[in-house]
Amino acid sequence: MKTFTVRDLDRQPAKVLKVCDQEGAVNIRRRDGRSYRLLAEAAPGRMRLPSDFVRQHLRRTARLFPEPISAAQAQLVDKLIAGE
């Protein structure tokens, strides 16, 4: 998680908010050592991904499994999980 100063927030608020949107949260540190966490809220109807790791994982999963499994395969997996 990226850390900014109060000065950064005052002089470059767009940059701080952009990083907050990308990473999901940022820390804001004061001169006296106190720190605060700024969390991004997802826009209504829009899924927000918290980090590049999650984006990379979703891309990798989509590449490995381009099509969902069939109903017959799903039933077989359910039976295996149930121990039947």
N, C-alpha and C. Protein backbone atom coordinates (compact mmCIF):
# COMPACT_ATOMS: atom_id res chain seq x y z
N MET A 1 0.85 -1.17 0.00
CA MET A 1 0.00 0.00 0.00
C MET A 1 0.90 1.24 0.00
N LYS A 2 0.60 2.14 -0.88
CA LYS A 2 1.41 3.35 -1.06
C LYS A 2 1.11 4.34 0.06
N THR A 3 2.13 5.05 0.50
CA THR A 3 1.98 6.06 1.54
C THR A 3 2.27 7.44 0.96
N PHE A 4 1.37 8.38 1.23
CA PHE A 4 1.53 9.77 0.82
C PHE A 4 1.58 10.64 2.06
N THR A 5 2.03 11.88 1.88
CA THR A 5 2.01 12.83 2.98
C THR A 5 0.78 13.73 2.83
N VAL A 6 0.50 14.48 3.87
CA VAL A 6 -0.61 15.44 3.79
C VAL A 6 -0.30 16.48 2.72
N ARG A 7 0.96 16.80 2.57
CA ARG A 7 1.36 17.76 1.54
C ARG A 7 1.03 17.22 0.14
N ASP A 8 1.30 15.92 -0.09
CA ASP A 8 0.95 15.30 -1.37
C ASP A 8 -0.55 15.41 -1.62
N LEU A 9 -1.32 15.13 -0.59
CA LEU A 9 -2.78 15.18 -0.72
C LEU A 9 -3.25 16.59 -1.04
N ASP A 10 -2.58 17.59 -0.46
CA ASP A 10 -2.95 18.98 -0.70
C ASP A 10 -2.55 19.45 -2.09
N ARG A 11 -1.35 19.07 -2.53
CA ARG A 11 -0.83 19.58 -3.80
C ARG A 11 -1.17 18.72 -5.01
N GLN A 12 -1.36 17.41 -4.80
CA GLN A 12 -1.63 16.52 -5.92
C GLN A 12 -2.78 15.57 -5.58
N PRO A 13 -3.96 16.11 -5.30
CA PRO A 13 -5.06 15.22 -4.90
C PRO A 13 -5.47 14.22 -5.98
N ALA A 14 -5.38 14.60 -7.25
CA ALA A 14 -5.76 13.68 -8.33
C ALA A 14 -4.84 12.47 -8.37
N LYS A 15 -3.55 12.70 -8.15
CA LYS A 15 -2.59 11.59 -8.15
C LYS A 15 -2.87 10.64 -6.99
N VAL A 16 -3.12 11.20 -5.80
CA VAL A 16 -3.41 10.37 -4.62
C VAL A 16 -4.68 9.55 -4.85
N LEU A 17 -5.71 10.18 -5.38
CA LEU A 17 -6.97 9.48 -5.61
C LEU A 17 -6.84 8.42 -6.71
N LYS A 18 -6.02 8.70 -7.71
CA LYS A 18 -5.81 7.72 -8.79
C LYS A 18 -5.15 6.46 -8.23
N VAL A 19 -4.12 6.64 -7.42
CA VAL A 19 -3.45 5.49 -6.81
C VAL A 19 -4.40 4.76 -5.87
N CYS A 20 -5.21 5.51 -5.15
CA CYS A 20 -6.20 4.90 -4.26
C CYS A 20 -7.20 4.06 -5.06
N ASP A 21 -7.63 4.54 -6.20
CA ASP A 21 -8.53 3.77 -7.06
C ASP A 21 -7.85 2.50 -7.57
N GLN A 22 -6.58 2.61 -7.93
CA GLN A 22 -5.87 1.46 -8.48
C GLN A 22 -5.59 0.40 -7.43
N GLU A 23 -5.18 0.83 -6.24
CA GLU A 23 -4.76 -0.12 -5.20
C GLU A 23 -5.85 -0.42 -4.18
N GLY A 24 -6.91 0.39 -4.17
CA GLY A 24 -7.99 0.15 -3.21
C GLY A 24 -7.88 0.97 -1.94
N ALA A 25 -6.66 1.38 -1.58
CA ALA A 25 -6.45 2.19 -0.39
C ALA A 25 -5.05 2.79 -0.43
N VAL A 26 -4.87 3.91 0.27
CA VAL A 26 -3.56 4.52 0.45
C VAL A 26 -3.46 5.00 1.89
N ASN A 27 -2.24 5.16 2.36
CA ASN A 27 -2.00 5.73 3.67
C ASN A 27 -1.62 7.19 3.51
N ILE A 28 -2.10 8.01 4.43
CA ILE A 28 -1.75 9.43 4.48
C ILE A 28 -1.01 9.64 5.80
N ARG A 29 0.23 10.15 5.73
CA ARG A 29 1.03 10.32 6.94
C ARG A 29 1.24 11.80 7.23
N ARG A 30 1.10 12.16 8.52
CA ARG A 30 1.34 13.53 8.96
C ARG A 30 2.77 13.67 9.43
N ARG A 31 3.21 14.89 9.61
CA ARG A 31 4.58 15.14 10.08
C ARG A 31 4.83 14.58 11.47
N ASP A 32 3.79 14.59 12.30
CA ASP A 32 3.97 14.10 13.68
C ASP A 32 3.94 12.58 13.78
N GLY A 33 3.83 11.89 12.64
CA GLY A 33 3.88 10.42 12.63
C GLY A 33 2.53 9.74 12.57
N ARG A 34 1.46 10.46 12.86
CA ARG A 34 0.14 9.83 12.77
C ARG A 34 -0.17 9.53 11.31
N SER A 35 -0.89 8.43 11.11
CA SER A 35 -1.24 8.08 9.73
C SER A 35 -2.71 7.72 9.66
N TYR A 36 -3.23 7.86 8.47
CA TYR A 36 -4.63 7.61 8.18
C TYR A 36 -4.71 6.76 6.93
N ARG A 37 -5.79 6.01 6.80
CA ARG A 37 -6.00 5.19 5.61
C ARG A 37 -7.18 5.75 4.83
N LEU A 38 -6.96 5.96 3.54
CA LEU A 38 -8.00 6.44 2.64
C LEU A 38 -8.43 5.25 1.78
N LEU A 39 -9.69 4.84 1.90
CA LEU A 39 -10.21 3.69 1.17
C LEU A 39 -11.09 4.16 0.02
N ALA A 40 -10.93 3.51 -1.13
CA ALA A 40 -11.76 3.82 -2.29
C ALA A 40 -13.03 3.00 -2.22
N GLU A 41 -14.15 3.63 -2.52
CA GLU A 41 -15.41 2.92 -2.60
C GLU A 41 -15.69 2.60 -4.06
N ALA A 42 -16.28 1.44 -4.30
CA ALA A 42 -16.62 1.06 -5.67
C ALA A 42 -17.81 1.89 -6.15
N ALA A 43 -17.76 2.26 -7.40
CA ALA A 43 -18.89 2.97 -7.99
C ALA A 43 -20.08 2.01 -8.06
N PRO A 44 -21.30 2.51 -7.91
CA PRO A 44 -22.46 1.63 -7.96
C PRO A 44 -22.51 0.84 -9.27
N GLY A 45 -22.69 -0.46 -9.17
CA GLY A 45 -22.78 -1.31 -10.34
C GLY A 45 -21.45 -1.64 -10.98
N ARG A 46 -20.36 -1.28 -10.34
CA ARG A 46 -19.04 -1.53 -10.91
C ARG A 46 -18.18 -2.28 -9.90
N MET A 47 -17.60 -3.38 -10.34
CA MET A 47 -16.73 -4.13 -9.46
C MET A 47 -15.35 -3.48 -9.46
N ARG A 48 -14.81 -3.22 -8.29
CA ARG A 48 -13.50 -2.62 -8.19
C ARG A 48 -12.50 -3.68 -7.76
N LEU A 49 -11.41 -3.81 -8.49
CA LEU A 49 -10.37 -4.77 -8.15
C LEU A 49 -9.31 -4.08 -7.30
N PRO A 50 -8.96 -4.66 -6.17
CA PRO A 50 -8.06 -3.97 -5.25
C PRO A 50 -6.61 -3.90 -5.67
N SER A 51 -6.14 -4.82 -6.51
CA SER A 51 -4.72 -4.77 -6.83
C SER A 51 -4.43 -5.43 -8.16
N ASP A 52 -3.21 -5.24 -8.60
CA ASP A 52 -2.77 -5.87 -9.85
C ASP A 52 -2.74 -7.39 -9.72
N PHE A 53 -2.45 -7.89 -8.51
CA PHE A 53 -2.42 -9.33 -8.30
C PHE A 53 -3.76 -9.97 -8.66
N VAL A 54 -4.84 -9.35 -8.22
CA VAL A 54 -6.17 -9.90 -8.50
C VAL A 54 -6.46 -9.83 -10.00
N ARG A 55 -6.09 -8.73 -10.63
CA ARG A 55 -6.30 -8.61 -12.08
C ARG A 55 -5.54 -9.70 -12.83
N GLN A 56 -4.27 -9.91 -12.44
CA GLN A 56 -3.47 -10.93 -13.08
C GLN A 56 -4.05 -12.32 -12.85
N HIS A 57 -4.54 -12.58 -11.65
CA HIS A 57 -5.14 -13.87 -11.34
C HIS A 57 -6.38 -14.11 -12.21
N LEU A 58 -7.24 -13.11 -12.34
CA LEU A 58 -8.45 -13.26 -13.15
C LEU A 58 -8.11 -13.48 -14.63
N ARG A 59 -7.10 -12.78 -15.14
CA ARG A 59 -6.68 -13.00 -16.52
C ARG A 59 -6.13 -14.40 -16.72
N ARG A 60 -5.31 -14.87 -15.78
CA ARG A 60 -4.73 -16.21 -15.87
C ARG A 60 -5.82 -17.27 -15.79
N THR A 61 -6.78 -17.10 -14.90
CA THR A 61 -7.88 -18.05 -14.77
C THR A 61 -8.71 -18.09 -16.05
N ALA A 62 -8.99 -16.94 -16.62
CA ALA A 62 -9.77 -16.88 -17.87
C ALA A 62 -9.02 -17.56 -19.01
N ARG A 63 -7.69 -17.44 -19.02
CA ARG A 63 -6.89 -18.09 -20.05
C ARG A 63 -6.88 -19.61 -19.88
N LEU A 64 -6.80 -20.07 -18.64
CA LEU A 64 -6.75 -21.51 -18.37
C LEU A 64 -8.10 -22.19 -18.55
N PHE A 65 -9.16 -21.47 -18.21
CA PHE A 65 -10.51 -22.04 -18.27
C PHE A 65 -11.41 -21.12 -19.10
N PRO A 66 -11.26 -21.16 -20.42
CA PRO A 66 -12.02 -20.23 -21.26
C PRO A 66 -13.52 -20.50 -21.30
N GLU A 67 -13.93 -21.75 -21.03
CA GLU A 67 -15.35 -22.09 -21.05
C GLU A 67 -15.73 -22.72 -19.73
N PRO A 68 -16.94 -22.46 -19.23
CA PRO A 68 -17.38 -23.10 -18.00
C PRO A 68 -17.56 -24.61 -18.20
N ILE A 69 -17.49 -25.37 -17.11
CA ILE A 69 -17.66 -26.81 -17.22
C ILE A 69 -19.12 -27.14 -17.50
N SER A 70 -19.37 -28.30 -18.08
CA SER A 70 -20.73 -28.70 -18.42
C SER A 70 -21.49 -29.12 -17.15
N ALA A 71 -22.79 -29.26 -17.28
CA ALA A 71 -23.62 -29.68 -16.15
C ALA A 71 -23.24 -31.08 -15.68
N ALA A 72 -22.92 -31.96 -16.61
CA ALA A 72 -22.52 -33.33 -16.25
C ALA A 72 -21.21 -33.31 -15.46
N GLN A 73 -20.26 -32.48 -15.89
CA GLN A 73 -19.01 -32.37 -15.16
C GLN A 73 -19.23 -31.78 -13.76
N ALA A 74 -20.12 -30.81 -13.66
CA ALA A 74 -20.42 -30.21 -12.37
C ALA A 74 -21.03 -31.24 -11.42
N GLN A 75 -21.92 -32.09 -11.93
CA GLN A 75 -22.51 -33.14 -11.09
C GLN A 75 -21.45 -34.13 -10.63
N LEU A 76 -20.52 -34.48 -11.51
CA LEU A 76 -19.43 -35.38 -11.15
C LEU A 76 -18.55 -34.77 -10.05
N VAL A 77 -18.25 -33.52 -10.18
CA VAL A 77 -17.44 -32.83 -9.15
C VAL A 77 -18.20 -32.79 -7.82
N ASP A 78 -19.50 -32.52 -7.86
CA ASP A 78 -20.31 -32.52 -6.64
C ASP A 78 -20.27 -33.89 -5.95
N LYS A 79 -20.35 -34.96 -6.75
CA LYS A 79 -20.30 -36.31 -6.18
C LYS A 79 -18.94 -36.59 -5.56
N LEU A 80 -17.88 -36.17 -6.23
CA LEU A 80 -16.54 -36.37 -5.70
C LEU A 80 -16.34 -35.63 -4.38
N ILE A 81 -16.83 -34.41 -4.31
CA ILE A 81 -16.72 -33.64 -3.08
C ILE A 81 -17.51 -34.27 -1.95
N ALA A 82 -18.71 -34.80 -2.29
CA ALA A 82 -19.54 -35.43 -1.28
C ALA A 82 -19.02 -36.80 -0.86
N GLY A 83 -18.05 -37.33 -1.59
CA GLY A 83 -17.47 -38.62 -1.24
C GLY A 83 -18.30 -39.81 -1.74
N GLU A 84 -19.07 -39.62 -2.73
CA GLU A 84 -19.91 -40.69 -3.27
C GLU A 84 -19.18 -41.50 -4.31
